[in-house]
Amino acid sequence: MEILFIIISVLTIIMALTAVIVKDRIVAVLAGGAAGLFASILFIIMAAPDVAMTEAAIGSGLTTFIFFFALRKIRSKDNG
């Protein structure tokens, strides 16, 4: 179980760094969503299912959707 915890922790850090470092906005949003998803898996491993559900719904799901919605609005303003 500790090995799984370490692997998921490293993946979370890699996705968070990817979200900060990459220049492509879509990749950054997807990496941020993946970091939130991995964080919610970590919360499940740590026996905090309520926090995991909140992180999955808000941190990964809703936030990623809002970022993509904002990116679409920005692109439509640039074209028009």
PDB file of N, CA and C in Angstrom:
ATOM      1  N   MET A   1       0.826  -1.202   0.000  1.00  0.00           N
ATOM      2  CA  MET A   1       0.000   0.000   0.000  1.00  0.00           C
ATOM      3  C   MET A   1       0.867   1.262   0.000  1.00  0.00           C
ATOM      4  N   GLU A   2       2.019   1.194   0.659  1.00  0.00           N
ATOM      5  CA  GLU A   2       2.909   2.355   0.675  1.00  0.00           C
ATOM      6  C   GLU A   2       3.487   2.642  -0.705  1.00  0.00           C
ATOM      7  N   ILE A   3       3.742   1.584  -1.462  1.00  0.00           N
ATOM      8  CA  ILE A   3       4.269   1.760  -2.819  1.00  0.00           C
ATOM      9  C   ILE A   3       3.241   2.494  -3.679  1.00  0.00           C
ATOM     10  N   LEU A   4       1.978   2.107  -3.575  1.00  0.00           N
ATOM     11  CA  LEU A   4       0.915   2.768  -4.317  1.00  0.00           C
ATOM     12  C   LEU A   4       0.806   4.237  -3.915  1.00  0.00           C
ATOM     13  N   PHE A   5       0.905   4.506  -2.628  1.00  0.00           N
ATOM     14  CA  PHE A   5       0.854   5.879  -2.126  1.00  0.00           C
ATOM     15  C   PHE A   5       1.990   6.713  -2.715  1.00  0.00           C
ATOM     16  N   ILE A   6       3.181   6.154  -2.763  1.00  0.00           N
ATOM     17  CA  ILE A   6       4.336   6.878  -3.301  1.00  0.00           C
ATOM     18  C   ILE A   6       4.164   7.121  -4.796  1.00  0.00           C
ATOM     19  N   ILE A   7       3.700   6.122  -5.525  1.00  0.00           N
ATOM     20  CA  ILE A   7       3.514   6.262  -6.977  1.00  0.00           C
ATOM     21  C   ILE A   7       2.475   7.343  -7.282  1.00  0.00           C
ATOM     22  N   ILE A   8       1.352   7.305  -6.596  1.00  0.00           N
ATOM     23  CA  ILE A   8       0.296   8.305  -6.833  1.00  0.00           C
ATOM     24  C   ILE A   8       0.779   9.695  -6.420  1.00  0.00           C
ATOM     25  N   SER A   9       1.551   9.778  -5.339  1.00  0.00           N
ATOM     26  CA  SER A   9       2.093  11.069  -4.904  1.00  0.00           C
ATOM     27  C   SER A   9       3.033  11.652  -5.952  1.00  0.00           C
ATOM     28  N   VAL A  10       3.897  10.825  -6.505  1.00  0.00           N
ATOM     29  CA  VAL A  10       4.827  11.287  -7.538  1.00  0.00           C
ATOM     30  C   VAL A  10       4.062  11.713  -8.790  1.00  0.00           C
ATOM     31  N   LEU A  11       3.045  10.948  -9.167  1.00  0.00           N
ATOM     32  CA  LEU A  11       2.234  11.328 -10.327  1.00  0.00           C
ATOM     33  C   LEU A  11       1.512  12.655 -10.098  1.00  0.00           C
ATOM     34  N   THR A  12       1.039  12.883  -8.886  1.00  0.00           N
ATOM     35  CA  THR A  12       0.383  14.156  -8.562  1.00  0.00           C
ATOM     36  C   THR A  12       1.356  15.315  -8.725  1.00  0.00           C
ATOM     37  N   ILE A  13       2.556  15.149  -8.216  1.00  0.00           N
ATOM     38  CA  ILE A  13       3.568  16.208  -8.326  1.00  0.00           C
ATOM     39  C   ILE A  13       3.956  16.445  -9.781  1.00  0.00           C
ATOM     40  N   ILE A  14       4.116  15.371 -10.549  1.00  0.00           N
ATOM     41  CA  ILE A  14       4.471  15.512 -11.961  1.00  0.00           C
ATOM     42  C   ILE A  14       3.373  16.249 -12.725  1.00  0.00           C
ATOM     43  N   MET A  15       2.113  15.910 -12.476  1.00  0.00           N
ATOM     44  CA  MET A  15       1.011  16.584 -13.167  1.00  0.00           C
ATOM     45  C   MET A  15       0.922  18.058 -12.754  1.00  0.00           C
ATOM     46  N   ALA A  16       1.147  18.340 -11.488  1.00  0.00           N
ATOM     47  CA  ALA A  16       1.109  19.738 -11.031  1.00  0.00           C
ATOM     48  C   ALA A  16       2.232  20.548 -11.674  1.00  0.00           C
ATOM     49  N   LEU A  17       3.420  19.987 -11.727  1.00  0.00           N
ATOM     50  CA  LEU A  17       4.530  20.683 -12.379  1.00  0.00           C
ATOM     51  C   LEU A  17       4.288  20.846 -13.878  1.00  0.00           C
ATOM     52  N   THR A  18       3.707  19.840 -14.491  1.00  0.00           N
ATOM     53  CA  THR A  18       3.370  19.935 -15.913  1.00  0.00           C
ATOM     54  C   THR A  18       2.379  21.068 -16.155  1.00  0.00           C
ATOM     55  N   ALA A  19       1.396  21.189 -15.285  1.00  0.00           N
ATOM     56  CA  ALA A  19       0.394  22.255 -15.438  1.00  0.00           C
ATOM     57  C   ALA A  19       1.035  23.639 -15.342  1.00  0.00           C
ATOM     58  N   VAL A  20       2.076  23.755 -14.549  1.00  0.00           N
ATOM     59  CA  VAL A  20       2.732  25.053 -14.368  1.00  0.00           C
ATOM     60  C   VAL A  20       3.734  25.344 -15.484  1.00  0.00           C
ATOM     61  N   ILE A  21       4.426  24.319 -15.964  1.00  0.00           N
ATOM     62  CA  ILE A  21       5.550  24.523 -16.878  1.00  0.00           C
ATOM     63  C   ILE A  21       5.144  24.634 -18.347  1.00  0.00           C
ATOM     64  N   VAL A  22       4.174  23.828 -18.800  1.00  0.00           N
ATOM     65  CA  VAL A  22       3.873  23.781 -20.239  1.00  0.00           C
ATOM     66  C   VAL A  22       3.304  25.099 -20.739  1.00  0.00           C
ATOM     67  N   LYS A  23       3.511  25.346 -22.015  1.00  0.00           N
ATOM     68  CA  LYS A  23       3.022  26.579 -22.640  1.00  0.00           C
ATOM     69  C   LYS A  23       1.618  26.417 -23.222  1.00  0.00           C
ATOM     70  N   ASP A  24       1.260  25.214 -23.602  1.00  0.00           N
ATOM     71  CA  ASP A  24      -0.052  24.954 -24.195  1.00  0.00           C
ATOM     72  C   ASP A  24      -1.120  24.975 -23.098  1.00  0.00           C
ATOM     73  N   ARG A  25      -2.104  25.834 -23.257  1.00  0.00           N
ATOM     74  CA  ARG A  25      -3.124  26.008 -22.218  1.00  0.00           C
ATOM     75  C   ARG A  25      -3.983  24.761 -22.030  1.00  0.00           C
ATOM     76  N   ILE A  26      -4.311  24.080 -23.106  1.00  0.00           N
ATOM     77  CA  ILE A  26      -5.161  22.888 -23.003  1.00  0.00           C
ATOM     78  C   ILE A  26      -4.440  21.789 -22.221  1.00  0.00           C
ATOM     79  N   VAL A  27      -3.169  21.596 -22.518  1.00  0.00           N
ATOM     80  CA  VAL A  27      -2.383  20.594 -21.794  1.00  0.00           C
ATOM     81  C   VAL A  27      -2.272  20.980 -20.320  1.00  0.00           C
ATOM     82  N   ALA A  28      -2.116  22.262 -20.049  1.00  0.00           N
ATOM     83  CA  ALA A  28      -2.015  22.720 -18.663  1.00  0.00           C
ATOM     84  C   ALA A  28      -3.313  22.456 -17.894  1.00  0.00           C
ATOM     85  N   VAL A  29      -4.443  22.710 -18.530  1.00  0.00           N
ATOM     86  CA  VAL A  29      -5.731  22.460 -17.875  1.00  0.00           C
ATOM     87  C   VAL A  29      -5.933  20.973 -17.628  1.00  0.00           C
ATOM     88  N   LEU A  30      -5.605  20.156 -18.620  1.00  0.00           N
ATOM     89  CA  LEU A  30      -5.739  18.708 -18.449  1.00  0.00           C
ATOM     90  C   LEU A  30      -4.796  18.183 -17.367  1.00  0.00           C
ATOM     91  N   ALA A  31      -3.578  18.703 -17.312  1.00  0.00           N
ATOM     92  CA  ALA A  31      -2.633  18.274 -16.282  1.00  0.00           C
ATOM     93  C   ALA A  31      -3.105  18.706 -14.896  1.00  0.00           C
ATOM     94  N   GLY A  32      -3.689  19.884 -14.795  1.00  0.00           N
ATOM     95  CA  GLY A  32      -4.244  20.320 -13.517  1.00  0.00           C
ATOM     96  C   GLY A  32      -5.400  19.446 -13.067  1.00  0.00           C
ATOM     97  N   GLY A  33      -6.253  19.074 -14.007  1.00  0.00           N
ATOM     98  CA  GLY A  33      -7.349  18.166 -13.682  1.00  0.00           C
ATOM     99  C   GLY A  33      -6.851  16.796 -13.258  1.00  0.00           C
ATOM    100  N   ALA A  34      -5.800  16.322 -13.944  1.00  0.00           N
ATOM    101  CA  ALA A  34      -5.221  15.023 -13.576  1.00  0.00           C
ATOM    102  C   ALA A  34      -4.582  15.086 -12.192  1.00  0.00           C
ATOM    103  N   ALA A  35      -3.942  16.204 -11.867  1.00  0.00           N
ATOM    104  CA  ALA A  35      -3.359  16.360 -10.534  1.00  0.00           C
ATOM    105  C   ALA A  35      -4.454  16.307  -9.464  1.00  0.00           C
ATOM    106  N   GLY A  36      -5.586  16.943  -9.726  1.00  0.00           N
ATOM    107  CA  GLY A  36      -6.707  16.877  -8.788  1.00  0.00           C
ATOM    108  C   GLY A  36      -7.274  15.479  -8.658  1.00  0.00           C
ATOM    109  N   LEU A  37      -7.319  14.766  -9.770  1.00  0.00           N
ATOM    110  CA  LEU A  37      -7.811  13.389  -9.739  1.00  0.00           C
ATOM    111  C   LEU A  37      -6.881  12.486  -8.941  1.00  0.00           C
ATOM    112  N   PHE A  38      -5.579  12.635  -9.157  1.00  0.00           N
ATOM    113  CA  PHE A  38      -4.625  11.851  -8.372  1.00  0.00           C
ATOM    114  C   PHE A  38      -4.687  12.225  -6.888  1.00  0.00           C
ATOM    115  N   ALA A  39      -4.917  13.505  -6.598  1.00  0.00           N
ATOM    116  CA  ALA A  39      -5.064  13.920  -5.203  1.00  0.00           C
ATOM    117  C   ALA A  39      -6.279  13.264  -4.564  1.00  0.00           C
ATOM    118  N   SER A  40      -7.358  13.154  -5.320  1.00  0.00           N
ATOM    119  CA  SER A  40      -8.543  12.497  -4.764  1.00  0.00           C
ATOM    120  C   SER A  40      -8.288  11.008  -4.514  1.00  0.00           C
ATOM    121  N   ILE A  41      -7.476  10.378  -5.352  1.00  0.00           N
ATOM    122  CA  ILE A  41      -7.099   8.980  -5.102  1.00  0.00           C
ATOM    123  C   ILE A  41      -6.267   8.884  -3.826  1.00  0.00           C
ATOM    124  N   LEU A  42      -5.387   9.859  -3.620  1.00  0.00           N
ATOM    125  CA  LEU A  42      -4.603   9.869  -2.380  1.00  0.00           C
ATOM    126  C   LEU A  42      -5.504  10.005  -1.150  1.00  0.00           C
ATOM    127  N   PHE A  43      -6.535  10.821  -1.263  1.00  0.00           N
ATOM    128  CA  PHE A  43      -7.458  10.979  -0.138  1.00  0.00           C
ATOM    129  C   PHE A  43      -8.208   9.681   0.148  1.00  0.00           C
ATOM    130  N   ILE A  44      -8.526   8.927  -0.907  1.00  0.00           N
ATOM    131  CA  ILE A  44      -9.162   7.615  -0.707  1.00  0.00           C
ATOM    132  C   ILE A  44      -8.213   6.680   0.046  1.00  0.00           C
ATOM    133  N   ILE A  45      -6.941   6.671  -0.372  1.00  0.00           N
ATOM    134  CA  ILE A  45      -5.948   5.819   0.285  1.00  0.00           C
ATOM    135  C   ILE A  45      -5.790   6.206   1.752  1.00  0.00           C
ATOM    136  N   MET A  46      -5.886   7.499   2.047  1.00  0.00           N
ATOM    137  CA  MET A  46      -5.731   7.972   3.424  1.00  0.00           C
ATOM    138  C   MET A  46      -7.022   7.877   4.231  1.00  0.00           C
ATOM    139  N   ALA A  47      -8.025   7.211   3.684  1.00  0.00           N
ATOM    140  CA  ALA A  47      -9.303   6.963   4.365  1.00  0.00           C
ATOM    141  C   ALA A  47     -10.073   8.250   4.659  1.00  0.00           C
ATOM    142  N   ALA A  48     -10.124   9.117   3.659  1.00  0.00           N
ATOM    143  CA  ALA A  48     -10.912  10.339   3.766  1.00  0.00           C
ATOM    144  C   ALA A  48     -11.839  10.418   2.553  1.00  0.00           C
ATOM    145  N   PRO A  49     -12.874   9.570   2.504  1.00  0.00           N
ATOM    146  CA  PRO A  49     -13.706   9.513   1.294  1.00  0.00           C
ATOM    147  C   PRO A  49     -14.502  10.789   1.038  1.00  0.00           C
ATOM    148  N   ASP A  50     -14.897  11.503   2.093  1.00  0.00           N
ATOM    149  CA  ASP A  50     -15.654  12.731   1.884  1.00  0.00           C
ATOM    150  C   ASP A  50     -14.800  13.806   1.209  1.00  0.00           C
ATOM    151  N   VAL A  51     -13.551  13.911   1.626  1.00  0.00           N
ATOM    152  CA  VAL A  51     -12.635  14.870   1.007  1.00  0.00           C
ATOM    153  C   VAL A  51     -12.316  14.439  -0.423  1.00  0.00           C
ATOM    154  N   ALA A  52     -12.175  13.131  -0.638  1.00  0.00           N
ATOM    155  CA  ALA A  52     -11.887  12.610  -1.976  1.00  0.00           C
ATOM    156  C   ALA A  52     -13.025  12.915  -2.942  1.00  0.00           C
ATOM    157  N   MET A  53     -14.261  12.738  -2.498  1.00  0.00           N
ATOM    158  CA  MET A  53     -15.403  13.028  -3.374  1.00  0.00           C
ATOM    159  C   MET A  53     -15.476  14.516  -3.699  1.00  0.00           C
ATOM    160  N   THR A  54     -15.203  15.352  -2.718  1.00  0.00           N
ATOM    161  CA  THR A  54     -15.229  16.791  -2.956  1.00  0.00           C
ATOM    162  C   THR A  54     -14.120  17.197  -3.922  1.00  0.00           C
ATOM    163  N   GLU A  55     -12.931  16.660  -3.729  1.00  0.00           N
ATOM    164  CA  GLU A  55     -11.811  16.970  -4.622  1.00  0.00           C
ATOM    165  C   GLU A  55     -12.091  16.492  -6.036  1.00  0.00           C
ATOM    166  N   ALA A  56     -12.670  15.318  -6.178  1.00  0.00           N
ATOM    167  CA  ALA A  56     -12.971  14.800  -7.508  1.00  0.00           C
ATOM    168  C   ALA A  56     -14.038  15.641  -8.198  1.00  0.00           C
ATOM    169  N   ALA A  57     -15.059  16.032  -7.447  1.00  0.00           N
ATOM    170  CA  ALA A  57     -16.160  16.793  -8.051  1.00  0.00           C
ATOM    171  C   ALA A  57     -15.764  18.233  -8.344  1.00  0.00           C
ATOM    172  N   ILE A  58     -15.166  18.895  -7.373  1.00  0.00           N
ATOM    173  CA  ILE A  58     -14.845  20.314  -7.530  1.00  0.00           C
ATOM    174  C   ILE A  58     -13.455  20.502  -8.128  1.00  0.00           C
ATOM    175  N   GLY A  59     -12.459  19.899  -7.509  1.00  0.00           N
ATOM    176  CA  GLY A  59     -11.077  20.105  -7.938  1.00  0.00           C
ATOM    177  C   GLY A  59     -10.785  19.596  -9.330  1.00  0.00           C
ATOM    178  N   SER A  60     -11.257  18.415  -9.651  1.00  0.00           N
ATOM    179  CA  SER A  60     -10.981  17.850 -10.972  1.00  0.00           C
ATOM    180  C   SER A  60     -12.074  18.179 -11.975  1.00  0.00           C
ATOM    181  N   GLY A  61     -13.305  17.926 -11.600  1.00  0.00           N
ATOM    182  CA  GLY A  61     -14.405  18.054 -12.551  1.00  0.00           C
ATOM    183  C   GLY A  61     -14.812  19.475 -12.865  1.00  0.00           C
ATOM    184  N   LEU A  62     -15.322  20.171 -11.887  1.00  0.00           N
ATOM    185  CA  LEU A  62     -15.891  21.505 -12.121  1.00  0.00           C
ATOM    186  C   LEU A  62     -14.832  22.528 -12.526  1.00  0.00           C
ATOM    187  N   THR A  63     -13.696  22.500 -11.859  1.00  0.00           N
ATOM    188  CA  THR A  63     -12.646  23.461 -12.173  1.00  0.00           C
ATOM    189  C   THR A  63     -12.127  23.268 -13.592  1.00  0.00           C
ATOM    190  N   THR A  64     -11.929  22.027 -13.997  1.00  0.00           N
ATOM    191  CA  THR A  64     -11.472  21.758 -15.360  1.00  0.00           C
ATOM    192  C   THR A  64     -12.511  22.235 -16.375  1.00  0.00           C
ATOM    193  N   PHE A  65     -13.785  21.980 -16.101  1.00  0.00           N
ATOM    194  CA  PHE A  65     -14.844  22.436 -16.992  1.00  0.00           C
ATOM    195  C   PHE A  65     -14.850  23.962 -17.105  1.00  0.00           C
ATOM    196  N   ILE A  66     -14.728  24.648 -15.996  1.00  0.00           N
ATOM    197  CA  ILE A  66     -14.733  26.123 -16.008  1.00  0.00           C
ATOM    198  C   ILE A  66     -13.529  26.664 -16.775  1.00  0.00           C
ATOM    199  N   PHE A  67     -12.360  26.041 -16.601  1.00  0.00           N
ATOM    200  CA  PHE A  67     -11.183  26.488 -17.338  1.00  0.00           C
ATOM    201  C   PHE A  67     -11.371  26.309 -18.840  1.00  0.00           C
ATOM    202  N   PHE A  68     -11.930  25.169 -19.266  1.00  0.00           N
ATOM    203  CA  PHE A  68     -12.170  24.968 -20.689  1.00  0.00           C
ATOM    204  C   PHE A  68     -13.218  25.945 -21.217  1.00  0.00           C
ATOM    205  N   PHE A  69     -14.227  26.234 -20.424  1.00  0.00           N
ATOM    206  CA  PHE A  69     -15.237  27.220 -20.810  1.00  0.00           C
ATOM    207  C   PHE A  69     -14.589  28.595 -20.986  1.00  0.00           C
ATOM    208  N   ALA A  70     -13.709  28.974 -20.062  1.00  0.00           N
ATOM    209  CA  ALA A  70     -13.023  30.263 -20.153  1.00  0.00           C
ATOM    210  C   ALA A  70     -12.095  30.306 -21.363  1.00  0.00           C
ATOM    211  N   LEU A  71     -11.399  29.218 -21.635  1.00  0.00           N
ATOM    212  CA  LEU A  71     -10.526  29.180 -22.809  1.00  0.00           C
ATOM    213  C   LEU A  71     -11.327  29.350 -24.096  1.00  0.00           C
ATOM    214  N   ARG A  72     -12.496  28.726 -24.154  1.00  0.00           N
ATOM    215  CA  ARG A  72     -13.342  28.872 -25.337  1.00  0.00           C
ATOM    216  C   ARG A  72     -13.796  30.319 -25.505  1.00  0.00           C
ATOM    217  N   LYS A  73     -14.146  30.972 -24.400  1.00  0.00           N
ATOM    218  CA  LYS A  73     -14.569  32.377 -24.471  1.00  0.00           C
ATOM    219  C   LYS A  73     -13.418  33.272 -24.919  1.00  0.00           C
ATOM    220  N   ILE A  74     -12.224  32.994 -24.430  1.00  0.00           N
ATOM    221  CA  ILE A  74     -11.061  33.794 -24.815  1.00  0.00           C
ATOM    222  C   ILE A  74     -10.782  33.631 -26.299  1.00  0.00           C
ATOM    223  N   ARG A  75     -10.854  32.408 -26.806  1.00  0.00           N
ATOM    224  CA  ARG A  75     -10.589  32.163 -28.230  1.00  0.00           C
ATOM    225  C   ARG A  75     -11.650  32.806 -29.112  1.00  0.00           C
ATOM    226  N   SER A  76     -12.913  32.812 -28.678  1.00  0.00           N
ATOM    227  CA  SER A  76     -13.965  33.428 -29.484  1.00  0.00           C
ATOM    228  C   SER A  76     -13.789  34.953 -29.509  1.00  0.00           C
ATOM    229  N   LYS A  77     -13.272  35.534 -28.439  1.00  0.00           N
ATOM    230  CA  LYS A  77     -13.010  36.981 -28.415  1.00  0.00           C
ATOM    231  C   LYS A  77     -11.824  37.319 -29.321  1.00  0.00           C
ATOM    232  N   ASP A  78     -10.830  36.443 -29.383  1.00  0.00           N
ATOM    233  CA  ASP A  78      -9.661  36.686 -30.250  1.00  0.00           C
ATOM    234  C   ASP A  78     -10.034  36.628 -31.727  1.00  0.00           C
ATOM    235  N   ASN A  79     -10.986  35.760 -32.076  1.00  0.00           N
ATOM    236  CA  ASN A  79     -11.376  35.608 -33.482  1.00  0.00           C
ATOM    237  C   ASN A  79     -12.383  36.652 -33.938  1.00  0.00           C
ATOM    238  N   GLY A  80     -13.097  37.270 -32.995  1.00  0.00           N
ATOM    239  CA  GLY A  80     -14.166  38.178 -33.383  1.00  0.00           C
ATOM    240  C   GLY A  80     -13.919  39.525 -32.978  1.00  0.00           C
TER     241      GLY A  80
END
